[in-house]
Amino acid sequence: MIQWYPGHMAQTKRNMDADMALIDMIIEVIDARIPRASRNPDLEIYTKKKCHLLLLNKVDLADAGETQTWVQYYRRLGYIPVAINAARKQGLKEMQAAISSASQPMLEKLRSRGRLPRAVRAMVVGIPNCGKSTVINALAPSASAKTGNKPGVTKGRQWVKTNAGIELLDTPGMLWPKFASEDVAFKLAVCGSISDAVFPVYEVACELAKRLANLVPQVLLDRYKLKELPPFPEEILIEIAKNRGMLGAGGKIREDDAAMVLLQEFRSGKLGRISLESPRSPEAEAEGEKK
């Protein structure tokens, strides 16, 4: 078990406990490249109590076919899933329609009590760097929530009003105290949900190179102008460094630089749309059985 739990995330959880009475629904943002690994299991106690919308964000970076399969998978499990690219405001109409539909029972309840309808109050939750603040800014009339391409940008809670009759509570990204496996930790690290200062970049890049060699070998060959794929990931990084001219004093190969380049180009989508998880995996099947 890998343990990693910054203090501010414990405070975030305490704040969520207090805020539950204020909200009508939870909007959980996950990374479309790793829909299973990017779901915080500690959030389940909250999502069971409230109407729950599941946003698969960053679809522009994930394999389109796999994303649609994940949407169907989560729909079968009883979730309300919507695939979006918040940065480009793609999928917002579908998201707003889902929020409107999901909030109707709450609004009908208010009417039945003789109260006037009010804005739907939703808490936006998710792991660091999944795009929560980008989702909020896509709905808000002007940029209201801080965004960034590294984890930990949002430090405190803030309410944001939108033009769609929704009030959104932005929360800091929250991981969980113990990662159940090295696989989950790797996926979070490679997608930038965990700071590069926590896990060795070189080791993460080696694991990424190994998986890409199995998933999309031609992408590596074409992107880095490789004649063939070496059998070991460390050798792949060496070849990338050579072909990109990453040489230090005395012709020393800068493998660490190649590692960072591979990670950055995966995270930015320069390697194409790649999903690291499939709903057909044993882990996803186990999740379905548990649900």
C-alpha atoms as a PDB file:
ATOM      1  CA  MET A   1       0.000   0.000   0.000  1.00  0.00           C
ATOM      2  CA  ILE A   2       1.358   3.404  -0.998  1.00  0.00           C
ATOM      3  CA  GLN A   3       0.604   6.092   1.580  1.00  0.00           C
ATOM      4  CA  TRP A   4       0.456   9.738   0.583  1.00  0.00           C
ATOM      5  CA  TYR A   5      -2.019  12.198   2.058  1.00  0.00           C
ATOM      6  CA  PRO A   6      -1.138  15.916   2.357  1.00  0.00           C
ATOM      7  CA  GLY A   7      -2.698  17.675   5.351  1.00  0.00           C
ATOM      8  CA  HIS A   8      -4.810  20.053   3.288  1.00  0.00           C
ATOM      9  CA  MET A   9      -6.664  17.085   1.788  1.00  0.00           C
ATOM     10  CA  ALA A  10      -7.746  15.970   5.256  1.00  0.00           C
ATOM     11  CA  GLN A  11      -9.097  19.487   5.799  1.00  0.00           C
ATOM     12  CA  THR A  12     -10.921  19.294   2.474  1.00  0.00           C
ATOM     13  CA  LYS A  13     -12.692  16.144   3.619  1.00  0.00           C
ATOM     14  CA  ARG A  14     -13.770  17.831   6.859  1.00  0.00           C
ATOM     15  CA  ASN A  15     -15.114  20.793   4.879  1.00  0.00           C
ATOM     16  CA  MET A  16     -17.088  18.462   2.639  1.00  0.00           C
ATOM     17  CA  ASP A  17     -18.708  16.861   5.669  1.00  0.00           C
ATOM     18  CA  ALA A  18     -19.929  20.304   6.751  1.00  0.00           C
ATOM     19  CA  ASP A  19     -21.047  21.388   3.261  1.00  0.00           C
ATOM     20  CA  MET A  20     -23.210  18.374   2.489  1.00  0.00           C
ATOM     21  CA  ALA A  21     -26.273  20.006   4.056  1.00  0.00           C
ATOM     22  CA  LEU A  22     -25.925  22.974   1.691  1.00  0.00           C
ATOM     23  CA  ILE A  23     -25.942  21.147  -1.631  1.00  0.00           C
ATOM     24  CA  ASP A  24     -28.442  19.332  -3.838  1.00  0.00           C
ATOM     25  CA  MET A  25     -26.095  17.269  -5.981  1.00  0.00           C
ATOM     26  CA  ILE A  26     -22.500  16.235  -6.462  1.00  0.00           C
ATOM     27  CA  ILE A  27     -20.668  16.668  -9.743  1.00  0.00           C
ATOM     28  CA  GLU A  28     -17.696  14.312  -9.776  1.00  0.00           C
ATOM     29  CA  VAL A  29     -15.034  15.076 -12.388  1.00  0.00           C
ATOM     30  CA  ILE A  30     -12.798  12.197 -13.475  1.00  0.00           C
ATOM     31  CA  ASP A  31     -10.042  11.845 -16.063  1.00  0.00           C
ATOM     32  CA  ALA A  32     -11.347  10.132 -19.219  1.00  0.00           C
ATOM     33  CA  ARG A  33      -7.933   8.489 -19.744  1.00  0.00           C
ATOM     34  CA  ILE A  34      -8.165   6.707 -16.381  1.00  0.00           C
ATOM     35  CA  PRO A  35     -11.859   6.657 -15.399  1.00  0.00           C
ATOM     36  CA  ARG A  36     -11.405   4.018 -12.710  1.00  0.00           C
ATOM     37  CA  ALA A  37      -8.107   5.121 -11.161  1.00  0.00           C
ATOM     38  CA  SER A  38      -9.183   8.784 -11.061  1.00  0.00           C
ATOM     39  CA  ARG A  39     -12.227   8.078  -8.882  1.00  0.00           C
ATOM     40  CA  ASN A  40     -11.564   8.719  -5.213  1.00  0.00           C
ATOM     41  CA  PRO A  41     -13.142   5.811  -3.256  1.00  0.00           C
ATOM     42  CA  ASP A  42     -13.517   8.071  -0.214  1.00  0.00           C
ATOM     43  CA  LEU A  43     -16.087  10.155  -2.114  1.00  0.00           C
ATOM     44  CA  GLU A  44     -18.513   7.246  -2.252  1.00  0.00           C
ATOM     45  CA  ILE A  45     -19.972   8.085   1.160  1.00  0.00           C
ATOM     46  CA  TYR A  46     -21.023  11.469  -0.260  1.00  0.00           C
ATOM     47  CA  THR A  47     -22.184  10.386  -3.703  1.00  0.00           C
ATOM     48  CA  LYS A  48     -24.534   7.808  -2.171  1.00  0.00           C
ATOM     49  CA  LYS A  49     -26.347  10.539  -0.255  1.00  0.00           C
ATOM     50  CA  LYS A  50     -26.862  12.999  -3.099  1.00  0.00           C
ATOM     51  CA  CYS A  51     -27.836  13.046  -6.757  1.00  0.00           C
ATOM     52  CA  HIS A  52     -24.602  12.254  -8.564  1.00  0.00           C
ATOM     53  CA  LEU A  53     -23.352  13.412 -11.970  1.00  0.00           C
ATOM     54  CA  LEU A  54     -20.160  11.816 -13.341  1.00  0.00           C
ATOM     55  CA  LEU A  55     -18.150  13.916 -15.807  1.00  0.00           C
ATOM     56  CA  LEU A  56     -15.501  12.161 -17.901  1.00  0.00           C
ATOM     57  CA  ASN A  57     -13.300  15.171 -18.636  1.00  0.00           C
ATOM     58  CA  LYS A  58     -10.339  15.567 -21.020  1.00  0.00           C
ATOM     59  CA  VAL A  59     -11.960  13.388 -23.677  1.00  0.00           C
ATOM     60  CA  ASP A  60      -9.728  15.089 -26.235  1.00  0.00           C
ATOM     61  CA  LEU A  61      -6.795  13.208 -24.672  1.00  0.00           C
ATOM     62  CA  ALA A  62      -8.530   9.820 -24.393  1.00  0.00           C
ATOM     63  CA  ASP A  63      -9.353   7.208 -27.008  1.00  0.00           C
ATOM     64  CA  ALA A  64     -12.820   8.115 -28.335  1.00  0.00           C
ATOM     65  CA  GLY A  65     -14.036   4.520 -28.580  1.00  0.00           C
ATOM     66  CA  GLU A  66     -12.925   3.662 -25.055  1.00  0.00           C
ATOM     67  CA  THR A  67     -14.573   6.811 -23.687  1.00  0.00           C
ATOM     68  CA  GLN A  68     -17.933   5.884 -25.181  1.00  0.00           C
ATOM     69  CA  THR A  69     -17.568   2.381 -23.772  1.00  0.00           C
ATOM     70  CA  TRP A  70     -16.896   3.867 -20.340  1.00  0.00           C
ATOM     71  CA  VAL A  71     -19.981   6.099 -20.635  1.00  0.00           C
ATOM     72  CA  GLN A  72     -22.117   3.070 -21.437  1.00  0.00           C
ATOM     73  CA  TYR A  73     -20.459   1.118 -18.629  1.00  0.00           C
ATOM     74  CA  TYR A  74     -21.219   3.750 -15.987  1.00  0.00           C
ATOM     75  CA  ARG A  75     -24.748   4.227 -17.306  1.00  0.00           C
ATOM     76  CA  ARG A  76     -25.384   0.512 -16.826  1.00  0.00           C
ATOM     77  CA  LEU A  77     -24.187   0.876 -13.227  1.00  0.00           C
ATOM     78  CA  GLY A  78     -26.821   3.560 -12.612  1.00  0.00           C
ATOM     79  CA  TYR A  79     -24.635   6.671 -12.840  1.00  0.00           C
ATOM     80  CA  ILE A  80     -25.355   9.792 -14.888  1.00  0.00           C
ATOM     81  CA  PRO A  81     -22.181   9.962 -17.028  1.00  0.00           C
ATOM     82  CA  VAL A  82     -21.334  12.751 -19.489  1.00  0.00           C
ATOM     83  CA  ALA A  83     -18.181  12.929 -21.638  1.00  0.00           C
ATOM     84  CA  ILE A  84     -16.788  16.459 -21.896  1.00  0.00           C
ATOM     85  CA  ASN A  85     -13.787  18.543 -22.864  1.00  0.00           C
ATOM     86  CA  ALA A  86     -14.188  21.429 -20.445  1.00  0.00           C
ATOM     87  CA  ALA A  87     -11.165  23.314 -21.783  1.00  0.00           C
ATOM     88  CA  ARG A  88     -12.893  23.673 -25.171  1.00  0.00           C
ATOM     89  CA  LYS A  89     -16.427  23.759 -23.760  1.00  0.00           C
ATOM     90  CA  GLN A  90     -17.403  20.580 -25.566  1.00  0.00           C
ATOM     91  CA  GLY A  91     -20.234  18.575 -24.048  1.00  0.00           C
ATOM     92  CA  LEU A  92     -21.545  21.501 -21.970  1.00  0.00           C
ATOM     93  CA  LYS A  93     -25.079  21.288 -23.395  1.00  0.00           C
ATOM     94  CA  GLU A  94     -25.246  17.609 -22.512  1.00  0.00           C
ATOM     95  CA  MET A  95     -23.881  18.372 -19.051  1.00  0.00           C
ATOM     96  CA  GLN A  96     -26.407  21.180 -18.446  1.00  0.00           C
ATOM     97  CA  ALA A  97     -29.241  18.974 -19.677  1.00  0.00           C
ATOM     98  CA  ALA A  98     -28.144  16.205 -17.297  1.00  0.00           C
ATOM     99  CA  ILE A  99     -27.980  18.640 -14.368  1.00  0.00           C
ATOM    100  CA  SER A 100     -31.422  20.040 -15.232  1.00  0.00           C
ATOM    101  CA  SER A 101     -32.953  16.585 -15.505  1.00  0.00           C
ATOM    102  CA  ALA A 102     -31.342  15.328 -12.312  1.00  0.00           C
ATOM    103  CA  SER A 103     -32.466  18.385 -10.335  1.00  0.00           C
ATOM    104  CA  GLN A 104     -36.150  18.149 -11.266  1.00  0.00           C
ATOM    105  CA  PRO A 105     -37.144  16.001  -8.241  1.00  0.00           C
ATOM    106  CA  MET A 106     -35.574  18.575  -5.908  1.00  0.00           C
ATOM    107  CA  LEU A 107     -37.370  21.472  -7.615  1.00  0.00           C
ATOM    108  CA  GLU A 108     -40.682  19.583  -7.594  1.00  0.00           C
ATOM    109  CA  LYS A 109     -40.253  18.998  -3.884  1.00  0.00           C
ATOM    110  CA  LEU A 110     -39.831  22.733  -3.318  1.00  0.00           C
ATOM    111  CA  ARG A 111     -42.948  23.488  -5.344  1.00  0.00           C
ATOM    112  CA  SER A 112     -44.966  20.905  -3.422  1.00  0.00           C
ATOM    113  CA  ARG A 113     -44.062  22.756  -0.226  1.00  0.00           C
ATOM    114  CA  GLY A 114     -45.137  26.077  -1.697  1.00  0.00           C
ATOM    115  CA  ARG A 115     -41.589  27.373  -2.017  1.00  0.00           C
ATOM    116  CA  LEU A 116     -40.226  29.182  -5.022  1.00  0.00           C
ATOM    117  CA  PRO A 117     -37.674  27.352  -7.195  1.00  0.00           C
ATOM    118  CA  ARG A 118     -34.074  28.352  -6.585  1.00  0.00           C
ATOM    119  CA  ALA A 119     -30.706  27.720  -8.174  1.00  0.00           C
ATOM    120  CA  VAL A 120     -29.436  24.163  -7.997  1.00  0.00           C
ATOM    121  CA  ARG A 121     -26.477  23.923  -5.622  1.00  0.00           C
ATOM    122  CA  ALA A 122     -23.824  21.467  -6.717  1.00  0.00           C
ATOM    123  CA  MET A 123     -20.496  20.527  -5.180  1.00  0.00           C
ATOM    124  CA  VAL A 124     -17.776  19.870  -7.750  1.00  0.00           C
ATOM    125  CA  VAL A 125     -15.365  17.188  -6.532  1.00  0.00           C
ATOM    126  CA  GLY A 126     -12.512  15.132  -7.912  1.00  0.00           C
ATOM    127  CA  ILE A 127      -8.834  14.361  -7.647  1.00  0.00           C
ATOM    128  CA  PRO A 128      -6.160  17.024  -8.298  1.00  0.00           C
ATOM    129  CA  ASN A 129      -5.704  18.166 -11.906  1.00  0.00           C
ATOM    130  CA  CYS A 130      -8.834  16.449 -13.212  1.00  0.00           C
ATOM    131  CA  GLY A 131     -10.267  19.740 -14.470  1.00  0.00           C
ATOM    132  CA  LYS A 132     -12.791  20.745 -11.777  1.00  0.00           C
ATOM    133  CA  SER A 133     -12.029  24.451 -12.008  1.00  0.00           C
ATOM    134  CA  THR A 134     -12.035  24.295 -15.810  1.00  0.00           C
ATOM    135  CA  VAL A 135     -15.524  22.778 -15.679  1.00  0.00           C
ATOM    136  CA  ILE A 136     -16.686  25.609 -13.426  1.00  0.00           C
ATOM    137  CA  ASN A 137     -15.140  28.288 -15.634  1.00  0.00           C
ATOM    138  CA  ALA A 138     -16.812  26.740 -18.671  1.00  0.00           C
ATOM    139  CA  LEU A 139     -20.207  27.265 -17.021  1.00  0.00           C
ATOM    140  CA  ALA A 140     -19.524  30.602 -15.337  1.00  0.00           C
ATOM    141  CA  PRO A 141     -20.136  33.930 -17.124  1.00  0.00           C
ATOM    142  CA  SER A 142     -16.499  34.868 -16.543  1.00  0.00           C
ATOM    143  CA  ALA A 143     -13.430  33.007 -15.349  1.00  0.00           C
ATOM    144  CA  SER A 144     -14.019  32.511 -11.634  1.00  0.00           C
ATOM    145  CA  ALA A 145     -11.991  29.508 -10.543  1.00  0.00           C
ATOM    146  CA  LYS A 146      -8.229  29.266 -10.791  1.00  0.00           C
ATOM    147  CA  THR A 147      -6.978  26.678 -13.245  1.00  0.00           C
ATOM    148  CA  GLY A 148      -3.585  25.149 -13.944  1.00  0.00           C
ATOM    149  CA  ASN A 149      -1.865  22.129 -15.416  1.00  0.00           C
ATOM    150  CA  LYS A 150      -0.452  20.910 -12.131  1.00  0.00           C
ATOM    151  CA  PRO A 151      -2.165  19.475  -9.044  1.00  0.00           C
ATOM    152  CA  GLY A 152      -3.117  21.651  -6.099  1.00  0.00           C
ATOM    153  CA  VAL A 153      -4.113  24.868  -7.905  1.00  0.00           C
ATOM    154  CA  THR A 154      -7.415  25.242  -6.025  1.00  0.00           C
ATOM    155  CA  LYS A 155      -6.537  25.779  -2.352  1.00  0.00           C
ATOM    156  CA  GLY A 156      -9.900  26.639  -0.795  1.00  0.00           C
ATOM    157  CA  ARG A 157     -13.641  26.424  -1.306  1.00  0.00           C
ATOM    158  CA  GLN A 158     -15.495  28.986  -3.376  1.00  0.00           C
ATOM    159  CA  TRP A 159     -19.065  29.369  -4.629  1.00  0.00           C
ATOM    160  CA  VAL A 160     -19.513  30.315  -8.270  1.00  0.00           C
ATOM    161  CA  LYS A 161     -22.813  31.425  -9.840  1.00  0.00           C
ATOM    162  CA  THR A 162     -23.540  30.452 -13.444  1.00  0.00           C
ATOM    163  CA  ASN A 163     -25.966  31.627 -16.105  1.00  0.00           C
ATOM    164  CA  ALA A 164     -27.550  28.174 -16.171  1.00  0.00           C
ATOM    165  CA  GLY A 165     -29.383  28.465 -12.837  1.00  0.00           C
ATOM    166  CA  ILE A 166     -26.688  26.504 -11.041  1.00  0.00           C
ATOM    167  CA  GLU A 167     -24.476  27.483  -8.113  1.00  0.00           C
ATOM    168  CA  LEU A 168     -21.242  25.508  -8.016  1.00  0.00           C
ATOM    169  CA  LEU A 169     -19.036  24.908  -5.015  1.00  0.00           C
ATOM    170  CA  ASP A 170     -15.445  24.412  -6.142  1.00  0.00           C
ATOM    171  CA  THR A 171     -13.348  22.248  -3.842  1.00  0.00           C
ATOM    172  CA  PRO A 172      -9.617  21.457  -3.772  1.00  0.00           C
ATOM    173  CA  GLY A 173      -8.579  18.203  -5.389  1.00  0.00           C
ATOM    174  CA  MET A 174      -8.638  15.329  -2.952  1.00  0.00           C
ATOM    175  CA  LEU A 175      -6.773  12.035  -3.100  1.00  0.00           C
ATOM    176  CA  TRP A 176      -7.167   9.252  -0.560  1.00  0.00           C
ATOM    177  CA  PRO A 177      -4.835   8.176   2.268  1.00  0.00           C
ATOM    178  CA  LYS A 178      -3.703   4.864   0.769  1.00  0.00           C
ATOM    179  CA  PHE A 179      -3.368   3.820  -2.853  1.00  0.00           C
ATOM    180  CA  ALA A 180      -4.501   0.232  -3.174  1.00  0.00           C
ATOM    181  CA  SER A 181      -1.905  -0.668  -5.799  1.00  0.00           C
ATOM    182  CA  GLU A 182       1.171   0.457  -7.690  1.00  0.00           C
ATOM    183  CA  ASP A 183      -0.995   0.459 -10.819  1.00  0.00           C
ATOM    184  CA  VAL A 184      -3.335   3.152  -9.487  1.00  0.00           C
ATOM    185  CA  ALA A 185      -0.409   5.221  -8.216  1.00  0.00           C
ATOM    186  CA  PHE A 186       1.302   5.012 -11.616  1.00  0.00           C
ATOM    187  CA  LYS A 187      -1.798   6.140 -13.507  1.00  0.00           C
ATOM    188  CA  LEU A 188      -2.340   9.092 -11.194  1.00  0.00           C
ATOM    189  CA  ALA A 189       1.318  10.072 -11.498  1.00  0.00           C
ATOM    190  CA  VAL A 190       1.504   9.741 -15.265  1.00  0.00           C
ATOM    191  CA  CYS A 191      -1.618  11.889 -15.747  1.00  0.00           C
ATOM    192  CA  GLY A 192      -0.280  14.595 -13.433  1.00  0.00           C
ATOM    193  CA  SER A 193      -2.693  14.105 -10.528  1.00  0.00           C
ATOM    194  CA  ILE A 194       0.244  13.620  -8.185  1.00  0.00           C
ATOM    195  CA  SER A 195       3.124  16.065  -8.123  1.00  0.00           C
ATOM    196  CA  ASP A 196       6.245  14.987 -10.015  1.00  0.00           C
ATOM    197  CA  ALA A 197       8.121  15.681  -6.787  1.00  0.00           C
ATOM    198  CA  VAL A 198       6.405  12.723  -5.086  1.00  0.00           C
ATOM    199  CA  PHE A 199       7.191   9.869  -7.496  1.00  0.00           C
ATOM    200  CA  PRO A 200      10.491   9.561  -9.404  1.00  0.00           C
ATOM    201  CA  VAL A 201       9.843  10.935 -12.896  1.00  0.00           C
ATOM    202  CA  TYR A 202      12.250   8.481 -14.485  1.00  0.00           C
ATOM    203  CA  GLU A 203      10.490   5.446 -12.994  1.00  0.00           C
ATOM    204  CA  VAL A 204       7.056   6.747 -13.991  1.00  0.00           C
ATOM    205  CA  ALA A 205       8.278   7.404 -17.542  1.00  0.00           C
ATOM    206  CA  CYS A 206       9.772   3.907 -17.787  1.00  0.00           C
ATOM    207  CA  GLU A 207       6.434   2.388 -16.822  1.00  0.00           C
ATOM    208  CA  LEU A 208       4.659   4.642 -19.317  1.00  0.00           C
ATOM    209  CA  ALA A 209       7.078   3.638 -22.074  1.00  0.00           C
ATOM    210  CA  LYS A 210       6.450  -0.037 -21.317  1.00  0.00           C
ATOM    211  CA  ARG A 211       2.682   0.375 -21.482  1.00  0.00           C
ATOM    212  CA  LEU A 212       2.734   2.504 -24.607  1.00  0.00           C
ATOM    213  CA  ALA A 213       4.936  -0.095 -26.280  1.00  0.00           C
ATOM    214  CA  ASN A 214       2.131  -2.595 -25.687  1.00  0.00           C
ATOM    215  CA  LEU A 215      -0.811  -0.290 -26.394  1.00  0.00           C
ATOM    216  CA  VAL A 216       0.379   1.928 -29.248  1.00  0.00           C
ATOM    217  CA  PRO A 217       3.841   0.819 -30.428  1.00  0.00           C
ATOM    218  CA  GLN A 218       3.508   2.629 -33.759  1.00  0.00           C
ATOM    219  CA  VAL A 219       2.935   5.929 -31.966  1.00  0.00           C
ATOM    220  CA  LEU A 220       6.310   5.631 -30.249  1.00  0.00           C
ATOM    221  CA  LEU A 221       8.023   4.638 -33.481  1.00  0.00           C
ATOM    222  CA  ASP A 222       6.567   7.555 -35.439  1.00  0.00           C
ATOM    223  CA  ARG A 223       6.756  10.265 -32.784  1.00  0.00           C
ATOM    224  CA  TYR A 224      10.365   9.626 -31.798  1.00  0.00           C
ATOM    225  CA  LYS A 225      11.601   8.395 -35.189  1.00  0.00           C
ATOM    226  CA  LEU A 226      12.629   4.985 -33.889  1.00  0.00           C
ATOM    227  CA  LYS A 227      13.573   2.243 -36.349  1.00  0.00           C
ATOM    228  CA  GLU A 228      12.379  -0.386 -33.891  1.00  0.00           C
ATOM    229  CA  LEU A 229      11.220  -0.606 -30.301  1.00  0.00           C
ATOM    230  CA  PRO A 230      13.888  -1.791 -27.862  1.00  0.00           C
ATOM    231  CA  PRO A 231      12.743  -4.631 -25.581  1.00  0.00           C
ATOM    232  CA  PHE A 232      13.198  -2.670 -22.345  1.00  0.00           C
ATOM    233  CA  PRO A 233      11.610   0.704 -21.429  1.00  0.00           C
ATOM    234  CA  GLU A 234      14.926   2.118 -20.214  1.00  0.00           C
ATOM    235  CA  GLU A 235      16.309   1.549 -23.699  1.00  0.00           C
ATOM    236  CA  ILE A 236      13.296   3.307 -25.221  1.00  0.00           C
ATOM    237  CA  LEU A 237      14.144   6.411 -23.186  1.00  0.00           C
ATOM    238  CA  ILE A 238      17.766   6.180 -24.322  1.00  0.00           C
ATOM    239  CA  GLU A 239      16.682   6.092 -27.965  1.00  0.00           C
ATOM    240  CA  ILE A 240      14.329   9.021 -27.448  1.00  0.00           C
ATOM    241  CA  ALA A 241      17.177  10.997 -25.884  1.00  0.00           C
ATOM    242  CA  LYS A 242      19.496  10.192 -28.786  1.00  0.00           C
ATOM    243  CA  ASN A 243      16.975  11.147 -31.457  1.00  0.00           C
ATOM    244  CA  ARG A 244      16.054  14.376 -29.690  1.00  0.00           C
ATOM    245  CA  GLY A 245      19.695  15.376 -29.211  1.00  0.00           C
ATOM    246  CA  MET A 246      19.561  15.159 -25.431  1.00  0.00           C
ATOM    247  CA  LEU A 247      23.274  14.845 -24.846  1.00  0.00           C
ATOM    248  CA  GLY A 248      25.298  16.356 -22.063  1.00  0.00           C
ATOM    249  CA  ALA A 249      29.022  16.917 -21.520  1.00  0.00           C
ATOM    250  CA  GLY A 250      31.122  14.236 -23.115  1.00  0.00           C
ATOM    251  CA  GLY A 251      28.139  12.928 -25.061  1.00  0.00           C
ATOM    252  CA  LYS A 252      26.409  11.660 -21.908  1.00  0.00           C
ATOM    253  CA  ILE A 253      22.829  10.667 -22.683  1.00  0.00           C
ATOM    254  CA  ARG A 254      20.321  12.665 -20.622  1.00  0.00           C
ATOM    255  CA  GLU A 255      17.753   9.947 -19.934  1.00  0.00           C
ATOM    256  CA  ASP A 256      16.016  12.039 -17.266  1.00  0.00           C
ATOM    257  CA  ASP A 257      15.274  14.712 -19.871  1.00  0.00           C
ATOM    258  CA  ALA A 258      13.842  12.083 -22.196  1.00  0.00           C
ATOM    259  CA  ALA A 259      11.678  10.810 -19.348  1.00  0.00           C
ATOM    260  CA  MET A 260      10.203  14.266 -18.774  1.00  0.00           C
ATOM    261  CA  VAL A 261       9.604  14.767 -22.493  1.00  0.00           C
ATOM    262  CA  LEU A 262       7.710  11.481 -22.751  1.00  0.00           C
ATOM    263  CA  LEU A 263       5.525  12.374 -19.762  1.00  0.00           C
ATOM    264  CA  GLN A 264       4.821  15.899 -20.981  1.00  0.00           C
ATOM    265  CA  GLU A 265       3.979  14.780 -24.488  1.00  0.00           C
ATOM    266  CA  PHE A 266       1.602  12.122 -23.185  1.00  0.00           C
ATOM    267  CA  ARG A 267      -0.093  14.591 -20.839  1.00  0.00           C
ATOM    268  CA  SER A 268      -0.485  17.243 -23.531  1.00  0.00           C
ATOM    269  CA  GLY A 269      -1.887  14.851 -26.125  1.00  0.00           C
ATOM    270  CA  LYS A 270       1.049  15.112 -28.509  1.00  0.00           C
ATOM    271  CA  LEU A 271       1.181  11.319 -28.608  1.00  0.00           C
ATOM    272  CA  GLY A 272      -2.472  11.216 -29.645  1.00  0.00           C
ATOM    273  CA  ARG A 273      -5.628  10.157 -27.843  1.00  0.00           C
ATOM    274  CA  ILE A 274      -4.676   7.313 -25.523  1.00  0.00           C
ATOM    275  CA  SER A 275      -6.657   5.643 -22.748  1.00  0.00           C
ATOM    276  CA  LEU A 276      -4.790   3.706 -20.077  1.00  0.00           C
ATOM    277  CA  GLU A 277      -7.862   1.864 -18.797  1.00  0.00           C
ATOM    278  CA  SER A 278     -10.645  -0.183 -20.323  1.00  0.00           C
ATOM    279  CA  PRO A 279     -14.041  -1.047 -18.807  1.00  0.00           C
ATOM    280  CA  ARG A 280     -13.357  -4.582 -19.982  1.00  0.00           C
ATOM    281  CA  SER A 281     -10.509  -4.944 -17.464  1.00  0.00           C
ATOM    282  CA  PRO A 282     -10.808  -7.275 -14.438  1.00  0.00           C
ATOM    283  CA  GLU A 283     -10.691  -4.243 -12.130  1.00  0.00           C
ATOM    284  CA  ALA A 284     -13.654  -2.607 -13.851  1.00  0.00           C
ATOM    285  CA  GLU A 285     -15.582  -5.867 -13.836  1.00  0.00           C
ATOM    286  CA  ALA A 286     -14.986  -6.151 -10.095  1.00  0.00           C
ATOM    287  CA  GLU A 287     -16.263  -2.600  -9.650  1.00  0.00           C
ATOM    288  CA  GLY A 288     -19.414  -3.508 -11.567  1.00  0.00           C
ATOM    289  CA  GLU A 289     -20.018  -6.530  -9.367  1.00  0.00           C
ATOM    290  CA  LYS A 290     -19.567  -4.427  -6.222  1.00  0.00           C
ATOM    291  CA  LYS A 291     -21.960  -1.768  -7.513  1.00  0.00           C
END
